[in-house]
Protein backbone atom coordinates (compact mmCIF):
# COMPACT_ATOMS: atom_id res chain seq x y z
CA MET A 1 -145.89 -18.51 -138.58
CA THR A 2 -145.33 -16.73 -141.93
CA LEU A 3 -144.86 -18.57 -145.22
CA ASN A 4 -141.22 -17.47 -145.27
CA SER A 5 -140.55 -18.83 -141.79
CA ILE A 6 -142.18 -22.13 -142.74
CA PHE A 7 -139.91 -22.26 -145.79
CA GLN A 8 -136.86 -21.53 -143.64
CA PHE A 9 -137.90 -24.31 -141.27
CA LEU A 10 -138.18 -26.88 -144.05
CA VAL A 11 -135.23 -26.06 -146.29
CA PRO A 12 -132.23 -26.37 -143.94
CA LYS A 13 -132.65 -30.11 -143.38
CA ASP A 14 -130.54 -31.14 -146.40
CA LYS A 15 -128.08 -28.38 -145.54
CA LYS A 16 -127.50 -29.84 -142.09
CA PHE A 17 -126.94 -33.51 -142.81
CA PHE A 18 -124.94 -33.51 -146.05
CA PRO A 19 -122.28 -31.10 -144.73
CA LEU A 20 -121.83 -33.51 -141.80
CA PHE A 21 -121.48 -36.48 -144.15
CA GLU A 22 -119.00 -34.53 -146.27
CA GLN A 23 -116.99 -33.46 -143.23
CA ALA A 24 -116.88 -37.04 -141.96
CA ALA A 25 -115.77 -38.34 -145.38
CA ALA A 26 -113.10 -35.63 -145.76
CA ASN A 27 -111.64 -36.41 -142.33
CA LEU A 28 -111.83 -40.14 -143.08
CA ILE A 29 -109.79 -39.65 -146.26
CA THR A 30 -107.21 -37.59 -144.36
CA LEU A 31 -107.05 -40.30 -141.67
CA ALA A 32 -106.49 -43.00 -144.33
CA GLU A 33 -103.81 -40.85 -146.00
CA THR A 34 -102.07 -40.30 -142.66
CA LEU A 35 -102.10 -44.02 -141.86
CA HIS A 36 -100.67 -44.85 -145.28
CA GLU A 37 -97.96 -42.23 -144.77
CA ALA A 38 -97.24 -43.63 -141.30
CA VAL A 39 -96.54 -47.17 -142.55
CA ASN A 40 -94.22 -45.76 -145.21
CA ALA A 41 -92.30 -43.60 -142.74
CA PRO A 42 -89.29 -44.59 -140.59
CA LYS A 43 -90.26 -45.85 -137.12
CA ILE A 44 -88.80 -42.75 -135.46
CA GLU A 45 -91.24 -40.51 -137.39
CA ARG A 46 -94.40 -42.58 -136.91
CA GLU A 47 -95.43 -41.13 -133.55
CA GLU A 48 -96.36 -37.80 -135.15
CA TYR A 49 -98.62 -39.61 -137.63
CA PHE A 50 -100.21 -41.73 -134.89
CA ARG A 51 -101.09 -38.59 -132.90
CA LYS A 52 -102.70 -37.06 -135.98
CA ILE A 53 -104.72 -40.25 -136.57
CA GLU A 54 -105.94 -40.11 -132.97
CA GLU A 55 -107.06 -36.50 -133.44
CA LEU A 56 -108.83 -37.26 -136.72
CA GLU A 57 -110.66 -40.22 -135.23
CA ALA A 58 -111.88 -37.96 -132.41
CA VAL A 59 -113.10 -35.39 -134.96
CA ILE A 60 -115.10 -38.07 -136.81
CA GLU A 61 -116.51 -39.27 -133.51
CA GLU A 62 -117.70 -35.72 -132.79
CA ILE A 63 -119.26 -35.42 -136.26
CA THR A 64 -121.11 -38.69 -135.60
CA HIS A 65 -122.38 -37.26 -132.31
CA LYS A 66 -123.51 -34.04 -134.04
CA THR A 67 -125.37 -36.08 -136.66
CA HIS A 68 -127.23 -37.97 -133.97
CA LEU A 69 -128.13 -34.66 -132.30
CA GLU A 70 -129.48 -33.32 -135.60
CA LEU A 71 -131.57 -36.46 -135.98
CA SER A 72 -133.15 -35.82 -132.59
CA ARG A 73 -133.84 -32.16 -133.45
CA ASN A 74 -135.17 -32.53 -136.99
CA PHE A 75 -138.42 -34.18 -137.97
CA ILE A 76 -137.86 -33.87 -141.73
CA THR A 77 -134.68 -35.45 -143.11
CA PRO A 78 -133.26 -35.84 -146.67
CA PHE A 79 -133.80 -39.61 -146.44
CA ASP A 80 -134.84 -42.23 -143.87
CA ARG A 81 -133.63 -41.56 -140.36
CA GLU A 82 -132.32 -45.11 -139.92
CA ASP A 83 -130.28 -44.71 -143.13
CA ILE A 84 -128.74 -41.47 -141.85
CA HIS A 85 -127.81 -43.25 -138.63
CA SER A 86 -126.43 -46.27 -140.53
CA LEU A 87 -124.38 -44.13 -142.92
CA ILE A 88 -122.64 -41.98 -140.31
CA LYS A 89 -122.11 -44.99 -138.05
CA ALA A 90 -120.57 -46.99 -140.91
CA ILE A 91 -118.15 -44.14 -141.67
CA ASP A 92 -117.29 -43.92 -137.96
CA ASN A 93 -116.60 -47.67 -137.91
CA VAL A 94 -114.08 -47.35 -140.75
CA ALA A 95 -112.27 -44.65 -138.78
CA ASP A 96 -112.37 -46.75 -135.60
CA ASN A 97 -110.69 -49.71 -137.27
CA MET A 98 -107.99 -47.68 -139.00
CA HIS A 99 -107.32 -45.95 -135.69
CA GLY A 100 -107.27 -49.40 -134.10
CA ALA A 101 -104.58 -50.57 -136.53
CA ALA A 102 -102.47 -47.48 -135.78
CA SER A 103 -102.95 -47.98 -132.02
CA ARG A 104 -101.76 -51.59 -132.25
CA MET A 105 -98.66 -50.60 -134.21
CA ARG A 106 -97.98 -47.95 -131.60
CA LEU A 107 -98.74 -50.10 -128.56
CA TYR A 108 -96.90 -53.21 -129.78
CA GLN A 109 -94.00 -51.10 -131.08
CA VAL A 110 -94.06 -52.77 -134.47
CA GLU A 111 -90.74 -51.99 -136.09
CA LYS A 112 -90.82 -53.70 -139.48
CA ILE A 113 -93.81 -52.77 -141.61
CA THR A 114 -94.59 -55.55 -144.07
CA LYS A 115 -95.62 -55.14 -147.71
CA SER A 116 -99.04 -56.54 -146.80
CA ILE A 117 -99.64 -53.83 -144.19
CA ARG A 118 -98.65 -51.16 -146.71
CA LYS A 119 -100.89 -52.72 -149.35
CA LEU A 120 -103.90 -52.83 -147.02
CA THR A 121 -103.46 -49.17 -146.04
CA GLU A 122 -103.26 -48.34 -149.75
CA ILE A 123 -106.48 -50.27 -150.46
CA ASN A 124 -108.26 -48.60 -147.53
CA LEU A 125 -107.14 -45.17 -148.71
CA GLU A 126 -108.57 -45.81 -152.17
CA ALA A 127 -111.83 -47.10 -150.65
CA CYS A 128 -112.12 -44.03 -148.39
CA GLN A 129 -111.56 -41.73 -151.37
CA LEU A 130 -114.40 -43.54 -153.14
CA ILE A 131 -116.61 -43.07 -150.07
CA GLY A 132 -116.00 -39.33 -150.48
CA VAL A 133 -117.07 -39.59 -154.12
CA GLY A 134 -120.14 -41.62 -153.15
CA ILE A 135 -121.26 -39.06 -150.57
CA LYS A 136 -121.12 -36.29 -153.19
CA GLU A 137 -123.10 -38.39 -155.67
CA LEU A 138 -125.62 -39.23 -152.95
CA LYS A 139 -126.28 -35.53 -152.46
CA SER A 140 -127.49 -35.23 -156.06
CA MET A 141 -128.90 -38.79 -156.11
CA ASN A 142 -126.85 -39.71 -159.17
CA HIS A 143 -127.91 -43.35 -159.05
CA LYS A 144 -125.64 -44.62 -161.83
CA ALA A 145 -122.55 -42.98 -160.32
CA ILE A 146 -123.43 -44.27 -156.83
CA LYS A 147 -123.78 -47.81 -158.18
CA GLU A 148 -120.42 -47.62 -159.97
CA THR A 149 -118.68 -46.16 -156.91
CA CYS A 150 -120.11 -48.86 -154.63
CA LYS A 151 -119.04 -51.54 -157.10
CA LYS A 152 -115.45 -50.26 -156.95
CA ILE A 153 -115.49 -50.22 -153.13
CA ASN A 154 -116.77 -53.81 -153.05
CA LYS A 155 -113.98 -54.92 -155.41
CA LEU A 156 -111.41 -53.29 -153.13
CA GLU A 157 -112.87 -55.14 -150.14
CA SER A 158 -112.44 -58.45 -151.97
CA LYS A 159 -108.87 -57.46 -152.84
CA ALA A 160 -108.19 -56.65 -149.17
CA ASP A 161 -109.50 -60.09 -148.15
CA SER A 162 -107.03 -61.76 -150.53
CA VAL A 163 -104.11 -59.67 -149.28
CA PHE A 164 -105.07 -60.42 -145.66
CA ASP A 165 -105.40 -64.19 -146.20
CA LYS A 166 -102.03 -64.41 -147.94
CA ALA A 167 -100.36 -62.21 -145.32
CA VAL A 168 -101.64 -64.34 -142.42
CA ALA A 169 -100.54 -67.55 -144.19
CA ASP A 170 -97.07 -66.04 -144.71
CA ILE A 171 -96.81 -65.03 -141.05
CA PHE A 172 -97.62 -68.51 -139.77
CA GLU A 173 -95.24 -70.07 -142.27
CA ASN A 174 -92.24 -67.77 -141.89
CA GLU A 175 -92.45 -65.99 -138.51
CA THR A 176 -90.81 -67.93 -135.69
CA ASP A 177 -91.38 -65.42 -132.88
CA ALA A 178 -94.83 -66.01 -131.36
CA LYS A 179 -95.03 -62.40 -130.16
CA ASN A 180 -94.52 -61.10 -133.68
CA VAL A 181 -97.18 -63.47 -134.99
CA ILE A 182 -99.67 -61.90 -132.57
CA LYS A 183 -98.54 -58.33 -133.35
CA TYR A 184 -98.83 -58.66 -137.11
CA LYS A 185 -102.06 -60.64 -136.96
CA GLU A 186 -103.68 -57.92 -134.80
CA VAL A 187 -102.59 -55.09 -137.10
CA LEU A 188 -103.61 -56.95 -140.25
CA SER A 189 -106.98 -57.88 -138.74
CA ALA A 190 -107.78 -54.24 -137.91
CA LEU A 191 -106.84 -53.13 -141.43
CA GLU A 192 -108.91 -55.92 -143.03
CA MET A 193 -111.86 -55.02 -140.80
CA ALA A 194 -111.55 -51.39 -141.94
CA SER A 195 -111.99 -52.56 -145.53
CA ASP A 196 -115.04 -54.58 -144.45
CA LYS A 197 -116.50 -51.43 -142.91
CA CYS A 198 -115.83 -49.51 -146.14
CA LYS A 199 -118.03 -52.11 -147.82
CA SER A 200 -120.66 -51.46 -145.13
CA VAL A 201 -120.63 -47.76 -146.09
CA SER A 202 -121.01 -48.83 -149.72
CA ASN A 203 -123.99 -51.04 -148.84
CA VAL A 204 -125.75 -48.19 -147.02
CA MET A 205 -125.16 -45.73 -149.88
CA GLU A 206 -126.50 -48.22 -152.40
CA GLN A 207 -129.50 -48.96 -150.21
CA ILE A 208 -130.35 -45.25 -149.98
CA SER A 209 -129.96 -44.87 -153.74
CA VAL A 210 -132.27 -47.81 -154.46
CA LYS A 211 -134.92 -46.42 -152.12
CA HIS A 212 -134.89 -43.11 -153.99
CA SER A 213 -134.58 -44.43 -157.55
C-alpha cells in the first residue's frame, strides 16, 4: 500500500460521519418546522403536513442506519464509537417522538389544537435548530459554543416541562369529555418527550466536547 493510499484510507473518516450528522440534523429541523406548521394549519390541510413528517422520519431512520453501517466498516472514527452511536440515536429519538405526536393527532382526529400544543412544537423547533448549530460546532470542536448551545437546549427542555405540566392540569380541570382528555394527554406527552430527547442530544454533544477538551 502506497503512502497516498494510506492517507486516503485514514482521511475520509471525518468526512463520512459528520455529513450524516448534518443530514440528520437538517431533516430533524425540517420535521420540527413541518410539525409546527401543521398545528397552525386548518384541520383540512394537516394531512399533507402529516405525510411529510412521516417521510422525514423515515429519512432520519435511514440516516441512522447508514451511520451504524459506517461504524461497522470503519475502524478509525472522529470520536468514540459509542458516542457516535449515542448521538445519532438521540437525534433519531427526537424525530420518533415528534412523528409520534403527529401520528396521534392524525389517528385520534384531533380537531382543536390548543395553545399548549402550539407552544410545545415551537419549543421543539427552537431546540432542533440549536441541535443543528451544536452539530456544526462539534465538527470544529468549538467547546465554548457547544457548551452555550447545550445550555440553551436544556433551558428549553425545562420550559417544555412547565408548559406540559400546566397543560395537563388545565385538561383535567376543564375538559369534561374523557376521550378528549386521553387524546390531548397523548399528544402533549409525545411532544414533551421530544423535548426530553433534545436534551439527550445536548448531553451527548457536551459529553463528546468534554472528552476532547
